[in-house]
Amino acid sequence: MARVLARSLSKKKIVTNEGKMIGTLRNLVVDFNTGLVVDLIIYPDPSFDTTGYRMEGDRLFITFEAVKDIKDYIVVDRYLSRK
């Protein structure tokens, strides 16, 4: 995957590889030892069923390993994005 500046990700929409809207990017979790992004922190869309996903309060966490593409949207694999 090409390099992407974190500031360009602000408020980007997150969708599954099937086109289902998950929500809006809120923040990132970064491992400071390696510099790698670990998780996406998302405000879930009200219509999205968060059952089976890691939630902390009103925030949804998806592992960065699930990210398949970053362009107009951040596309994640729906199977890899679950706990």
N, C-alpha and C. Protein backbone atom coordinates (compact mmCIF):
# COMPACT_ATOMS: atom_id res chain seq x y z
N MET A 1 0.85 -1.18 0.00
CA MET A 1 0.00 0.00 0.00
C MET A 1 0.89 1.24 0.00
N ALA A 2 0.52 2.22 -0.76
CA ALA A 2 1.28 3.46 -0.86
C ALA A 2 1.23 4.23 0.45
N ARG A 3 2.16 5.11 0.65
CA ARG A 3 2.17 5.95 1.85
C ARG A 3 1.04 6.97 1.78
N VAL A 4 0.42 7.19 2.94
CA VAL A 4 -0.68 8.15 3.03
C VAL A 4 -0.44 9.00 4.27
N LEU A 5 -0.57 10.31 4.14
CA LEU A 5 -0.40 11.19 5.30
C LEU A 5 -1.62 11.10 6.21
N ALA A 6 -1.37 11.04 7.51
CA ALA A 6 -2.46 10.90 8.47
C ALA A 6 -3.47 12.03 8.36
N ARG A 7 -3.03 13.25 8.09
CA ARG A 7 -3.96 14.37 8.01
C ARG A 7 -4.95 14.22 6.86
N SER A 8 -4.57 13.46 5.81
CA SER A 8 -5.49 13.25 4.69
C SER A 8 -6.58 12.24 5.03
N LEU A 9 -6.44 11.54 6.15
CA LEU A 9 -7.43 10.53 6.57
C LEU A 9 -8.53 11.11 7.44
N SER A 10 -8.35 12.31 7.93
CA SER A 10 -9.30 12.92 8.84
C SER A 10 -10.72 12.88 8.30
N LYS A 11 -11.62 12.31 9.08
CA LYS A 11 -13.05 12.23 8.79
C LYS A 11 -13.37 11.46 7.50
N LYS A 12 -12.47 10.59 7.10
CA LYS A 12 -12.70 9.76 5.90
C LYS A 12 -13.72 8.67 6.24
N LYS A 13 -14.56 8.35 5.29
CA LYS A 13 -15.59 7.32 5.47
C LYS A 13 -14.96 5.93 5.36
N ILE A 14 -15.45 5.01 6.20
CA ILE A 14 -14.98 3.63 6.20
C ILE A 14 -16.09 2.75 5.65
N VAL A 15 -15.77 1.92 4.66
CA VAL A 15 -16.75 1.00 4.07
C VAL A 15 -16.16 -0.40 4.01
N THR A 16 -17.06 -1.42 3.96
CA THR A 16 -16.59 -2.79 3.79
C THR A 16 -16.26 -3.01 2.32
N ASN A 17 -15.60 -4.12 2.05
CA ASN A 17 -15.27 -4.46 0.67
C ASN A 17 -16.53 -4.80 -0.13
N GLU A 18 -17.68 -4.88 0.54
CA GLU A 18 -18.96 -5.09 -0.12
C GLU A 18 -19.75 -3.80 -0.29
N GLY A 19 -19.16 -2.67 0.12
CA GLY A 19 -19.79 -1.37 -0.06
C GLY A 19 -20.68 -0.91 1.08
N LYS A 20 -20.73 -1.64 2.20
CA LYS A 20 -21.56 -1.26 3.35
C LYS A 20 -20.85 -0.20 4.17
N MET A 21 -21.54 0.91 4.47
CA MET A 21 -20.96 2.00 5.26
C MET A 21 -20.79 1.55 6.71
N ILE A 22 -19.56 1.66 7.22
CA ILE A 22 -19.28 1.34 8.63
C ILE A 22 -19.35 2.60 9.46
N GLY A 23 -18.71 3.67 9.01
CA GLY A 23 -18.72 4.90 9.78
C GLY A 23 -17.65 5.87 9.30
N THR A 24 -17.22 6.76 10.21
CA THR A 24 -16.26 7.81 9.90
C THR A 24 -15.03 7.65 10.79
N LEU A 25 -13.85 7.78 10.18
CA LEU A 25 -12.60 7.67 10.94
C LEU A 25 -12.52 8.76 11.99
N ARG A 26 -12.23 8.37 13.21
CA ARG A 26 -12.10 9.31 14.33
C ARG A 26 -10.63 9.54 14.65
N ASN A 27 -9.86 8.42 14.69
CA ASN A 27 -8.47 8.52 15.09
C ASN A 27 -7.75 7.22 14.71
N LEU A 28 -6.46 7.17 14.98
CA LEU A 28 -5.64 5.99 14.73
C LEU A 28 -4.92 5.59 16.00
N VAL A 29 -4.67 4.29 16.17
CA VAL A 29 -3.81 3.80 17.24
C VAL A 29 -2.50 3.38 16.58
N VAL A 30 -1.39 3.96 17.06
CA VAL A 30 -0.07 3.70 16.47
C VAL A 30 0.84 3.08 17.52
N ASP A 31 1.60 2.06 17.12
CA ASP A 31 2.63 1.48 17.97
C ASP A 31 3.86 2.36 17.83
N PHE A 32 4.22 3.09 18.87
CA PHE A 32 5.34 4.03 18.78
C PHE A 32 6.69 3.33 18.68
N ASN A 33 6.77 2.08 19.07
CA ASN A 33 8.03 1.34 18.94
C ASN A 33 8.33 0.99 17.49
N THR A 34 7.30 0.62 16.74
CA THR A 34 7.49 0.22 15.34
C THR A 34 7.07 1.31 14.35
N GLY A 35 6.22 2.24 14.79
CA GLY A 35 5.71 3.28 13.91
C GLY A 35 4.55 2.81 13.04
N LEU A 36 4.06 1.60 13.28
CA LEU A 36 2.98 1.04 12.48
C LEU A 36 1.61 1.38 13.06
N VAL A 37 0.64 1.59 12.18
CA VAL A 37 -0.75 1.80 12.61
C VAL A 37 -1.30 0.46 13.05
N VAL A 38 -1.91 0.41 14.22
CA VAL A 38 -2.45 -0.83 14.79
C VAL A 38 -3.95 -0.92 14.54
N ASP A 39 -4.69 0.13 14.88
CA ASP A 39 -6.15 0.13 14.79
C ASP A 39 -6.67 1.44 14.21
N LEU A 40 -7.85 1.35 13.60
CA LEU A 40 -8.63 2.51 13.23
C LEU A 40 -9.68 2.70 14.32
N ILE A 41 -9.88 3.94 14.76
CA ILE A 41 -10.96 4.24 15.71
C ILE A 41 -12.04 4.95 14.91
N ILE A 42 -13.24 4.41 14.96
CA ILE A 42 -14.32 4.85 14.07
C ILE A 42 -15.55 5.24 14.86
N TYR A 43 -16.22 6.32 14.41
CA TYR A 43 -17.58 6.62 14.87
C TYR A 43 -18.49 5.81 13.96
N PRO A 44 -19.14 4.74 14.48
CA PRO A 44 -19.97 3.92 13.60
C PRO A 44 -21.21 4.65 13.10
N ASP A 45 -21.58 4.35 11.86
CA ASP A 45 -22.81 4.86 11.27
C ASP A 45 -23.98 4.27 12.06
N PRO A 46 -25.04 5.05 12.35
CA PRO A 46 -26.17 4.53 13.13
C PRO A 46 -26.82 3.29 12.50
N SER A 47 -26.73 3.13 11.20
CA SER A 47 -27.34 1.98 10.54
C SER A 47 -26.45 0.74 10.56
N PHE A 48 -25.20 0.87 11.03
CA PHE A 48 -24.27 -0.25 11.02
C PHE A 48 -24.42 -1.09 12.27
N ASP A 49 -24.58 -2.41 12.11
CA ASP A 49 -24.70 -3.35 13.23
C ASP A 49 -23.30 -3.66 13.75
N THR A 50 -23.00 -3.22 14.96
CA THR A 50 -21.66 -3.38 15.53
C THR A 50 -21.48 -4.70 16.27
N THR A 51 -22.46 -5.59 16.23
CA THR A 51 -22.36 -6.89 16.88
C THR A 51 -21.15 -7.64 16.32
N GLY A 52 -20.29 -8.13 17.22
CA GLY A 52 -19.11 -8.88 16.81
C GLY A 52 -17.89 -8.02 16.59
N TYR A 53 -18.03 -6.72 16.72
CA TYR A 53 -16.91 -5.79 16.55
C TYR A 53 -16.45 -5.31 17.92
N ARG A 54 -15.18 -4.92 18.02
CA ARG A 54 -14.64 -4.41 19.28
C ARG A 54 -15.10 -2.98 19.47
N MET A 55 -15.85 -2.76 20.53
CA MET A 55 -16.37 -1.44 20.86
C MET A 55 -15.82 -0.99 22.21
N GLU A 56 -15.57 0.31 22.34
CA GLU A 56 -15.23 0.93 23.62
C GLU A 56 -16.05 2.20 23.68
N GLY A 57 -17.11 2.16 24.46
CA GLY A 57 -18.04 3.29 24.51
C GLY A 57 -18.73 3.41 23.18
N ASP A 58 -18.65 4.60 22.58
CA ASP A 58 -19.31 4.83 21.29
C ASP A 58 -18.33 4.69 20.12
N ARG A 59 -17.13 4.16 20.39
CA ARG A 59 -16.10 4.04 19.37
C ARG A 59 -15.93 2.59 18.94
N LEU A 60 -15.75 2.38 17.65
CA LEU A 60 -15.55 1.07 17.06
C LEU A 60 -14.08 0.96 16.67
N PHE A 61 -13.44 -0.16 17.01
CA PHE A 61 -12.03 -0.38 16.69
C PHE A 61 -11.92 -1.47 15.62
N ILE A 62 -11.18 -1.18 14.56
CA ILE A 62 -10.92 -2.16 13.51
C ILE A 62 -9.41 -2.22 13.30
N THR A 63 -8.87 -3.44 13.30
CA THR A 63 -7.45 -3.62 13.10
C THR A 63 -7.03 -3.10 11.72
N PHE A 64 -5.86 -2.49 11.67
CA PHE A 64 -5.38 -1.92 10.42
C PHE A 64 -5.10 -3.01 9.39
N GLU A 65 -4.87 -4.23 9.84
CA GLU A 65 -4.65 -5.36 8.93
C GLU A 65 -5.84 -5.59 8.00
N ALA A 66 -7.02 -5.13 8.39
CA ALA A 66 -8.23 -5.32 7.60
C ALA A 66 -8.34 -4.32 6.45
N VAL A 67 -7.51 -3.27 6.47
CA VAL A 67 -7.57 -2.23 5.44
C VAL A 67 -7.08 -2.79 4.11
N LYS A 68 -7.90 -2.64 3.07
CA LYS A 68 -7.57 -3.13 1.73
C LYS A 68 -7.21 -2.00 0.77
N ASP A 69 -7.77 -0.81 0.98
CA ASP A 69 -7.53 0.30 0.06
C ASP A 69 -7.84 1.62 0.76
N ILE A 70 -7.10 2.65 0.39
CA ILE A 70 -7.36 4.00 0.90
C ILE A 70 -7.34 4.94 -0.29
N LYS A 71 -8.51 5.44 -0.63
CA LYS A 71 -8.63 6.45 -1.68
C LYS A 71 -9.69 7.44 -1.23
N ASP A 72 -10.83 7.50 -1.93
CA ASP A 72 -11.92 8.36 -1.49
C ASP A 72 -12.52 7.84 -0.18
N TYR A 73 -12.48 6.53 -0.02
CA TYR A 73 -12.95 5.85 1.19
C TYR A 73 -11.83 4.95 1.68
N ILE A 74 -11.94 4.54 2.95
CA ILE A 74 -11.06 3.49 3.46
C ILE A 74 -11.86 2.20 3.37
N VAL A 75 -11.38 1.25 2.59
CA VAL A 75 -12.08 -0.01 2.38
C VAL A 75 -11.45 -1.06 3.27
N VAL A 76 -12.29 -1.76 4.05
CA VAL A 76 -11.81 -2.82 4.94
C VAL A 76 -12.50 -4.14 4.61
N ASP A 77 -11.78 -5.22 4.82
CA ASP A 77 -12.33 -6.56 4.65
C ASP A 77 -13.26 -6.84 5.83
N ARG A 78 -14.51 -7.16 5.56
CA ARG A 78 -15.48 -7.29 6.65
C ARG A 78 -15.17 -8.47 7.56
N TYR A 79 -14.51 -9.51 7.07
CA TYR A 79 -14.18 -10.66 7.91
C TYR A 79 -12.98 -10.38 8.80
N LEU A 80 -11.98 -9.70 8.26
CA LEU A 80 -10.79 -9.35 9.05
C LEU A 80 -11.05 -8.24 10.05
N SER A 81 -12.12 -7.46 9.82
CA SER A 81 -12.36 -6.31 10.68
C SER A 81 -13.04 -6.67 12.00
N ARG A 82 -13.54 -7.89 12.11
CA ARG A 82 -14.17 -8.31 13.38
C ARG A 82 -13.11 -8.71 14.39
N LYS A 83 -13.54 -8.84 15.65
CA LYS A 83 -12.63 -9.16 16.76
C LYS A 83 -11.73 -10.33 16.44
